[in-house]
């Protein structure tokens, strides 16, 4: 069974990791892995 709830601060790190992973998987073929890792480090900051 799936439960849907509103995310809170304790979910932020998991959401950031999932966002980065899916972003890289989706767009990795359009650039080098090194560039994407650098880009994502700035885009998916844990303190945002």
PDB file of N, CA and C in Angstrom:
ATOM      1  N   UNK A   1       0.840  -1.178   0.000  1.00  0.00           N
ATOM      2  CA  UNK A   1       0.000   0.000   0.000  1.00  0.00           C
ATOM      3  C   UNK A   1       0.889   1.246   0.000  1.00  0.00           C
ATOM      4  N   UNK A   2       0.530   2.222  -0.764  1.00  0.00           N
ATOM      5  CA  UNK A   2       1.282   3.468  -0.863  1.00  0.00           C
ATOM      6  C   UNK A   2       0.619   4.512   0.030  1.00  0.00           C
ATOM      7  N   UNK A   3       1.454   5.229   0.789  1.00  0.00           N
ATOM      8  CA  UNK A   3       0.963   6.316   1.621  1.00  0.00           C
ATOM      9  C   UNK A   3       1.527   7.623   1.089  1.00  0.00           C
ATOM     10  N   UNK A   4       0.671   8.589   0.878  1.00  0.00           N
ATOM     11  CA  UNK A   4       1.095   9.911   0.404  1.00  0.00           C
ATOM     12  C   UNK A   4       0.993  10.877   1.563  1.00  0.00           C
ATOM     13  N   UNK A   5       2.062  11.655   1.767  1.00  0.00           N
ATOM     14  CA  UNK A   5       2.077  12.639   2.833  1.00  0.00           C
ATOM     15  C   UNK A   5       2.886  13.849   2.389  1.00  0.00           C
ATOM     16  N   UNK A   6       2.755  14.935   3.090  1.00  0.00           N
ATOM     17  CA  UNK A   6       3.528  16.144   2.813  1.00  0.00           C
ATOM     18  C   UNK A   6       4.934  15.946   3.366  1.00  0.00           C
ATOM     19  N   UNK A   7       5.924  16.238   2.543  1.00  0.00           N
ATOM     20  CA  UNK A   7       7.321  16.109   2.966  1.00  0.00           C
ATOM     21  C   UNK A   7       7.662  17.212   3.961  1.00  0.00           C
ATOM     22  N   UNK A   8       8.633  16.918   4.827  1.00  0.00           N
ATOM     23  CA  UNK A   8       9.115  17.944   5.752  1.00  0.00           C
ATOM     24  C   UNK A   8      10.642  17.954   5.722  1.00  0.00           C
ATOM     25  N   UNK A   9      11.250  18.717   6.605  1.00  0.00           N
ATOM     26  CA  UNK A   9      12.708  18.908   6.579  1.00  0.00           C
ATOM     27  C   UNK A   9      13.485  17.602   6.682  1.00  0.00           C
ATOM     28  N   UNK A  10      12.975  16.647   7.430  1.00  0.00           N
ATOM     29  CA  UNK A  10      13.721  15.396   7.581  1.00  0.00           C
ATOM     30  C   UNK A  10      13.735  14.580   6.285  1.00  0.00           C
ATOM     31  N   UNK A  11      12.902  14.921   5.325  1.00  0.00           N
ATOM     32  CA  UNK A  11      12.870  14.245   4.031  1.00  0.00           C
ATOM     33  C   UNK A  11      13.784  14.905   2.992  1.00  0.00           C
ATOM     34  N   UNK A  12      14.303  16.061   3.305  1.00  0.00           N
ATOM     35  CA  UNK A  12      15.037  16.865   2.325  1.00  0.00           C
ATOM     36  C   UNK A  12      16.238  16.141   1.720  1.00  0.00           C
ATOM     37  N   UNK A  13      17.041  15.492   2.536  1.00  0.00           N
ATOM     38  CA  UNK A  13      18.238  14.829   2.021  1.00  0.00           C
ATOM     39  C   UNK A  13      17.871  13.699   1.058  1.00  0.00           C
ATOM     40  N   UNK A  14      16.894  12.901   1.417  1.00  0.00           N
ATOM     41  CA  UNK A  14      16.455  11.811   0.551  1.00  0.00           C
ATOM     42  C   UNK A  14      15.895  12.346  -0.768  1.00  0.00           C
ATOM     43  N   UNK A  15      15.108  13.406  -0.691  1.00  0.00           N
ATOM     44  CA  UNK A  15      14.542  14.000  -1.906  1.00  0.00           C
ATOM     45  C   UNK A  15      15.644  14.564  -2.795  1.00  0.00           C
ATOM     46  N   UNK A  16      16.640  15.209  -2.207  1.00  0.00           N
ATOM     47  CA  UNK A  16      17.757  15.756  -2.979  1.00  0.00           C
ATOM     48  C   UNK A  16      18.535  14.644  -3.668  1.00  0.00           C
ATOM     49  N   UNK A  17      18.783  13.549  -2.968  1.00  0.00           N
ATOM     50  CA  UNK A  17      19.516  12.420  -3.557  1.00  0.00           C
ATOM     51  C   UNK A  17      18.723  11.791  -4.702  1.00  0.00           C
ATOM     52  N   UNK A  18      17.441  11.593  -4.501  1.00  0.00           N
ATOM     53  CA  UNK A  18      16.591  11.029  -5.545  1.00  0.00           C
ATOM     54  C   UNK A  18      16.515  11.964  -6.749  1.00  0.00           C
ATOM     55  N   UNK A  19      16.389  13.252  -6.495  1.00  0.00           N
ATOM     56  CA  UNK A  19      16.338  14.239  -7.579  1.00  0.00           C
ATOM     57  C   UNK A  19      17.608  14.214  -8.406  1.00  0.00           C
ATOM     58  N   UNK A  20      18.748  14.173  -7.725  1.00  0.00           N
ATOM     59  CA  UNK A  20      20.030  14.153  -8.432  1.00  0.00           C
ATOM     60  C   UNK A  20      20.167  12.871  -9.251  1.00  0.00           C
ATOM     61  N   UNK A  21      19.827  11.763  -8.667  1.00  0.00           N
ATOM     62  CA  UNK A  21      19.954  10.481  -9.365  1.00  0.00           C
ATOM     63  C   UNK A  21      19.077  10.439 -10.612  1.00  0.00           C
ATOM     64  N   UNK A  22      17.834  10.837 -10.492  1.00  0.00           N
ATOM     65  CA  UNK A  22      16.939  10.789 -11.650  1.00  0.00           C
ATOM     66  C   UNK A  22      17.320  11.833 -12.702  1.00  0.00           C
ATOM     67  N   UNK A  23      17.825  12.990 -12.268  1.00  0.00           N
ATOM     68  CA  UNK A  23      18.272  14.014 -13.201  1.00  0.00           C
ATOM     69  C   UNK A  23      19.442  13.489 -14.032  1.00  0.00           C
ATOM     70  N   UNK A  24      20.418  12.886 -13.368  1.00  0.00           N
ATOM     71  CA  UNK A  24      21.590  12.355 -14.074  1.00  0.00           C
ATOM     72  C   UNK A  24      21.172  11.233 -15.023  1.00  0.00           C
ATOM     73  N   UNK A  25      20.331  10.322 -14.549  1.00  0.00           N
ATOM     74  CA  UNK A  25      19.886   9.216 -15.406  1.00  0.00           C
ATOM     75  C   UNK A  25      19.151   9.725 -16.641  1.00  0.00           C
ATOM     76  N   UNK A  26      18.411  10.790 -16.494  1.00  0.00           N
ATOM     77  CA  UNK A  26      17.639  11.331 -17.602  1.00  0.00           C
ATOM     78  C   UNK A  26      18.512  12.060 -18.616  1.00  0.00           C
ATOM     79  N   UNK A  27      19.469  12.859 -18.148  1.00  0.00           N
ATOM     80  CA  UNK A  27      20.218  13.742 -19.035  1.00  0.00           C
ATOM     81  C   UNK A  27      21.692  13.379 -19.213  1.00  0.00           C
ATOM     82  N   UNK A  28      22.155  12.292 -18.655  1.00  0.00           N
ATOM     83  CA  UNK A  28      23.580  11.926 -18.696  1.00  0.00           C
ATOM     84  C   UNK A  28      24.116  11.764 -20.116  1.00  0.00           C
ATOM     85  N   UNK A  29      23.304  11.304 -21.005  1.00  0.00           N
ATOM     86  CA  UNK A  29      23.782  11.047 -22.365  1.00  0.00           C
ATOM     87  C   UNK A  29      24.109  12.326 -23.137  1.00  0.00           C
ATOM     88  N   UNK A  30      23.664  13.480 -22.646  1.00  0.00           N
ATOM     89  CA  UNK A  30      23.903  14.726 -23.386  1.00  0.00           C
ATOM     90  C   UNK A  30      25.153  15.470 -22.942  1.00  0.00           C
ATOM     91  N   UNK A  31      25.934  14.894 -22.011  1.00  0.00           N
ATOM     92  CA  UNK A  31      27.177  15.517 -21.581  1.00  0.00           C
ATOM     93  C   UNK A  31      28.035  14.500 -20.844  1.00  0.00           C
ATOM     94  N   UNK A  32      29.247  14.895 -20.467  1.00  0.00           N
ATOM     95  CA  UNK A  32      30.135  13.969 -19.766  1.00  0.00           C
ATOM     96  C   UNK A  32      29.714  13.821 -18.301  1.00  0.00           C
ATOM     97  N   UNK A  33      30.033  12.679 -17.723  1.00  0.00           N
ATOM     98  CA  UNK A  33      29.678  12.402 -16.338  1.00  0.00           C
ATOM     99  C   UNK A  33      30.319  13.419 -15.400  1.00  0.00           C
ATOM    100  N   UNK A  34      31.549  13.817 -15.678  1.00  0.00           N
ATOM    101  CA  UNK A  34      32.267  14.778 -14.832  1.00  0.00           C
ATOM    102  C   UNK A  34      31.525  16.119 -14.780  1.00  0.00           C
ATOM    103  N   UNK A  35      31.061  16.582 -15.897  1.00  0.00           N
ATOM    104  CA  UNK A  35      30.336  17.853 -15.951  1.00  0.00           C
ATOM    105  C   UNK A  35      29.009  17.742 -15.198  1.00  0.00           C
ATOM    106  N   UNK A  36      28.293  16.629 -15.363  1.00  0.00           N
ATOM    107  CA  UNK A  36      27.016  16.462 -14.670  1.00  0.00           C
ATOM    108  C   UNK A  36      27.185  16.393 -13.164  1.00  0.00           C
ATOM    109  N   UNK A  37      28.219  15.715 -12.702  1.00  0.00           N
ATOM    110  CA  UNK A  37      28.453  15.627 -11.257  1.00  0.00           C
ATOM    111  C   UNK A  37      28.713  17.017 -10.688  1.00  0.00           C
ATOM    112  N   UNK A  38      29.532  17.795 -11.362  1.00  0.00           N
ATOM    113  CA  UNK A  38      29.812  19.164 -10.922  1.00  0.00           C
ATOM    114  C   UNK A  38      28.536  20.007 -10.921  1.00  0.00           C
ATOM    115  N   UNK A  39      27.762  19.913 -11.980  1.00  0.00           N
ATOM    116  CA  UNK A  39      26.515  20.654 -12.089  1.00  0.00           C
ATOM    117  C   UNK A  39      25.554  20.283 -10.962  1.00  0.00           C
ATOM    118  N   UNK A  40      25.400  19.002 -10.713  1.00  0.00           N
ATOM    119  CA  UNK A  40      24.452  18.538  -9.702  1.00  0.00           C
ATOM    120  C   UNK A  40      24.898  18.891  -8.288  1.00  0.00           C
ATOM    121  N   UNK A  41      26.192  18.927  -8.052  1.00  0.00           N
ATOM    122  CA  UNK A  41      26.670  19.333  -6.719  1.00  0.00           C
ATOM    123  C   UNK A  41      26.197  20.744  -6.392  1.00  0.00           C
ATOM    124  N   UNK A  42      26.141  21.599  -7.398  1.00  0.00           N
ATOM    125  CA  UNK A  42      25.678  22.975  -7.181  1.00  0.00           C
ATOM    126  C   UNK A  42      24.156  23.081  -7.203  1.00  0.00           C
ATOM    127  N   UNK A  43      23.502  22.241  -7.972  1.00  0.00           N
ATOM    128  CA  UNK A  43      22.051  22.304  -8.119  1.00  0.00           C
ATOM    129  C   UNK A  43      21.316  21.675  -6.930  1.00  0.00           C
ATOM    130  N   UNK A  44      21.810  20.548  -6.455  1.00  0.00           N
ATOM    131  CA  UNK A  44      21.111  19.797  -5.420  1.00  0.00           C
ATOM    132  C   UNK A  44      21.836  19.910  -4.077  1.00  0.00           C
ATOM    133  N   UNK A  45      22.021  21.118  -3.598  1.00  0.00           N
ATOM    134  CA  UNK A  45      22.677  21.354  -2.323  1.00  0.00           C
ATOM    135  C   UNK A  45      21.777  20.910  -1.180  1.00  0.00           C
ATOM    136  N   UNK A  46      22.354  20.266  -0.183  1.00  0.00           N
ATOM    137  CA  UNK A  46      21.569  19.765   0.960  1.00  0.00           C
ATOM    138  C   UNK A  46      21.040  20.879   1.841  1.00  0.00           C
ATOM    139  N   UNK A  47      21.685  22.029   1.840  1.00  0.00           N
ATOM    140  CA  UNK A  47      21.243  23.109   2.730  1.00  0.00           C
ATOM    141  C   UNK A  47      20.230  24.041   2.074  1.00  0.00           C
ATOM    142  N   UNK A  48      19.728  23.708   0.910  1.00  0.00           N
ATOM    143  CA  UNK A  48      18.700  24.528   0.249  1.00  0.00           C
ATOM    144  C   UNK A  48      17.352  24.214   0.780  1.00  0.00           C
TER     145      UNK A  48
END
